[in-house]
C-alpha atoms as a PDB file:
ATOM      1  CA  UNK A   1     133.340  30.146  44.875  1.00  0.00           C
ATOM      2  CA  UNK A   2     130.163  28.111  45.089  1.00  0.00           C
ATOM      3  CA  UNK A   3     131.347  24.601  45.783  1.00  0.00           C
ATOM      4  CA  UNK A   4     128.943  21.898  46.824  1.00  0.00           C
ATOM      5  CA  UNK A   5     129.452  20.388  50.238  1.00  0.00           C
ATOM      6  CA  UNK A   6     128.588  16.937  51.507  1.00  0.00           C
ATOM      7  CA  UNK A   7     125.846  16.778  54.110  1.00  0.00           C
ATOM      8  CA  UNK A   8     125.720  14.315  57.019  1.00  0.00           C
ATOM      9  CA  UNK A   9     123.737  11.772  54.966  1.00  0.00           C
ATOM     10  CA  UNK A  10     126.172  11.797  52.032  1.00  0.00           C
ATOM     11  CA  UNK A  11     124.168  13.917  49.549  1.00  0.00           C
ATOM     12  CA  UNK A  12     125.561  17.039  47.931  1.00  0.00           C
ATOM     13  CA  UNK A  13     124.247  20.386  49.121  1.00  0.00           C
ATOM     14  CA  UNK A  14     124.816  23.446  46.941  1.00  0.00           C
ATOM     15  CA  UNK A  15     125.554  26.656  48.819  1.00  0.00           C
ATOM     16  CA  UNK A  16     124.908  29.952  47.115  1.00  0.00           C
ATOM     17  CA  UNK A  17     126.470  33.272  47.851  1.00  0.00           C
ATOM     18  CA  UNK A  18     124.352  36.365  48.587  1.00  0.00           C
ATOM     19  CA  UNK A  19     123.284  38.610  45.720  1.00  0.00           C
ATOM     20  CA  UNK A  20     125.476  41.577  46.698  1.00  0.00           C
ATOM     21  CA  UNK A  21     128.574  39.344  46.835  1.00  0.00           C
ATOM     22  CA  UNK A  22     127.882  37.957  43.346  1.00  0.00           C
ATOM     23  CA  UNK A  23     127.336  41.457  41.923  1.00  0.00           C
ATOM     24  CA  UNK A  24     130.475  42.772  43.625  1.00  0.00           C
ATOM     25  CA  UNK A  25     132.601  39.942  42.228  1.00  0.00           C
ATOM     26  CA  UNK A  26     131.225  40.478  38.710  1.00  0.00           C
ATOM     27  CA  UNK A  27     131.849  44.245  38.904  1.00  0.00           C
ATOM     28  CA  UNK A  28     135.458  43.691  40.022  1.00  0.00           C
ATOM     29  CA  UNK A  29     136.082  41.253  37.155  1.00  0.00           C
ATOM     30  CA  UNK A  30     134.478  43.660  34.676  1.00  0.00           C
ATOM     31  CA  UNK A  31     136.490  46.653  35.929  1.00  0.00           C
ATOM     32  CA  UNK A  32     139.790  44.761  35.795  1.00  0.00           C
ATOM     33  CA  UNK A  33     139.009  43.399  32.336  1.00  0.00           C
ATOM     34  CA  UNK A  34     138.144  46.840  30.959  1.00  0.00           C
ATOM     35  CA  UNK A  35     141.235  48.388  32.530  1.00  0.00           C
ATOM     36  CA  UNK A  36     143.611  45.803  31.104  1.00  0.00           C
ATOM     37  CA  UNK A  37     141.932  45.950  27.692  1.00  0.00           C
ATOM     38  CA  UNK A  38     142.196  49.739  27.603  1.00  0.00           C
ATOM     39  CA  UNK A  39     145.920  49.560  28.400  1.00  0.00           C
ATOM     40  CA  UNK A  40     146.372  46.948  25.671  1.00  0.00           C
ATOM     41  CA  UNK A  41     144.351  49.149  23.313  1.00  0.00           C
ATOM     42  CA  UNK A  42     146.783  51.995  23.931  1.00  0.00           C
ATOM     43  CA  UNK A  43     149.662  49.652  23.067  1.00  0.00           C
ATOM     44  CA  UNK A  44     147.950  48.700  19.787  1.00  0.00           C
ATOM     45  CA  UNK A  45     147.334  52.376  19.031  1.00  0.00           C
ATOM     46  CA  UNK A  46     151.002  53.219  19.659  1.00  0.00           C
ATOM     47  CA  UNK A  47     152.074  50.316  17.449  1.00  0.00           C
ATOM     48  CA  UNK A  48     149.879  51.521  14.588  1.00  0.00           C
ATOM     49  CA  UNK A  49     151.213  55.099  14.748  1.00  0.00           C
ATOM     50  CA  UNK A  50     154.950  54.405  14.408  1.00  0.00           C
ATOM     51  CA  UNK A  51     156.506  52.973  11.276  1.00  0.00           C
ATOM     52  CA  UNK A  52     159.503  51.447  13.054  1.00  0.00           C
ATOM     53  CA  UNK A  53     157.272  48.906  14.785  1.00  0.00           C
ATOM     54  CA  UNK A  54     156.135  47.471  11.430  1.00  0.00           C
ATOM     55  CA  UNK A  55     159.665  46.468  10.426  1.00  0.00           C
ATOM     56  CA  UNK A  56     161.051  44.957  13.637  1.00  0.00           C
ATOM     57  CA  UNK A  57     160.041  41.301  14.139  1.00  0.00           C
ATOM     58  CA  UNK A  58     160.011  41.450  17.929  1.00  0.00           C
ATOM     59  CA  UNK A  59     157.474  44.284  17.892  1.00  0.00           C
ATOM     60  CA  UNK A  60     155.317  42.427  15.386  1.00  0.00           C
ATOM     61  CA  UNK A  61     155.331  39.346  17.621  1.00  0.00           C
ATOM     62  CA  UNK A  62     154.637  41.499  20.671  1.00  0.00           C
ATOM     63  CA  UNK A  63     151.602  43.143  19.091  1.00  0.00           C
ATOM     64  CA  UNK A  64     150.245  39.708  18.168  1.00  0.00           C
ATOM     65  CA  UNK A  65     150.644  38.725  21.818  1.00  0.00           C
ATOM     66  CA  UNK A  66     148.817  41.867  22.941  1.00  0.00           C
ATOM     67  CA  UNK A  67     145.936  41.353  20.495  1.00  0.00           C
ATOM     68  CA  UNK A  68     145.558  37.696  21.495  1.00  0.00           C
ATOM     69  CA  UNK A  69     145.597  38.753  25.142  1.00  0.00           C
ATOM     70  CA  UNK A  70     142.803  41.232  24.474  1.00  0.00           C
ATOM     71  CA  UNK A  71     140.699  38.605  22.698  1.00  0.00           C
ATOM     72  CA  UNK A  72     141.209  35.991  25.397  1.00  0.00           C
ATOM     73  CA  UNK A  73     140.551  38.444  28.227  1.00  0.00           C
ATOM     74  CA  UNK A  74     137.387  39.766  26.585  1.00  0.00           C
ATOM     75  CA  UNK A  75     136.032  36.288  25.991  1.00  0.00           C
ATOM     76  CA  UNK A  76     136.809  35.137  29.531  1.00  0.00           C
ATOM     77  CA  UNK A  77     135.097  37.998  31.363  1.00  0.00           C
ATOM     78  CA  UNK A  78     132.135  37.969  29.003  1.00  0.00           C
ATOM     79  CA  UNK A  79     131.647  34.261  29.615  1.00  0.00           C
ATOM     80  CA  UNK A  80     132.118  34.549  33.369  1.00  0.00           C
ATOM     81  CA  UNK A  81     129.594  37.386  33.614  1.00  0.00           C
ATOM     82  CA  UNK A  82     126.980  35.650  31.457  1.00  0.00           C
ATOM     83  CA  UNK A  83     127.402  32.080  32.658  1.00  0.00           C
ATOM     84  CA  UNK A  84     124.386  30.498  34.345  1.00  0.00           C
ATOM     85  CA  UNK A  85     126.382  29.940  37.524  1.00  0.00           C
ATOM     86  CA  UNK A  86     126.840  33.703  37.853  1.00  0.00           C
ATOM     87  CA  UNK A  87     123.105  34.105  38.501  1.00  0.00           C
ATOM     88  CA  UNK A  88     122.784  31.625  41.377  1.00  0.00           C
ATOM     89  CA  UNK A  89     122.236  33.650  44.498  1.00  0.00           C
ATOM     90  CA  UNK A  90     120.059  33.909  47.581  1.00  0.00           C
ATOM     91  CA  UNK A  91     118.369  37.164  48.510  1.00  0.00           C
END
């Protein structure tokens, strides 16, 4: 990513990536996040439609895992796309 480098006099120099690279990276993260969340949403939908899943403990634990995964994934790609470091670029 954008990691500062040390110049010849010992000070830190921040390098920024070009605008199109930053936009491309954010679009890839967004697309992957939406894809994984839609798959997890289908799992939640399937769980809610079948009565057998409500009575088996392993399916109840699995759906909790899926829902927590959706929450964590949504929060992570929202924060990465809206973080101030995401808008540092050179044109």
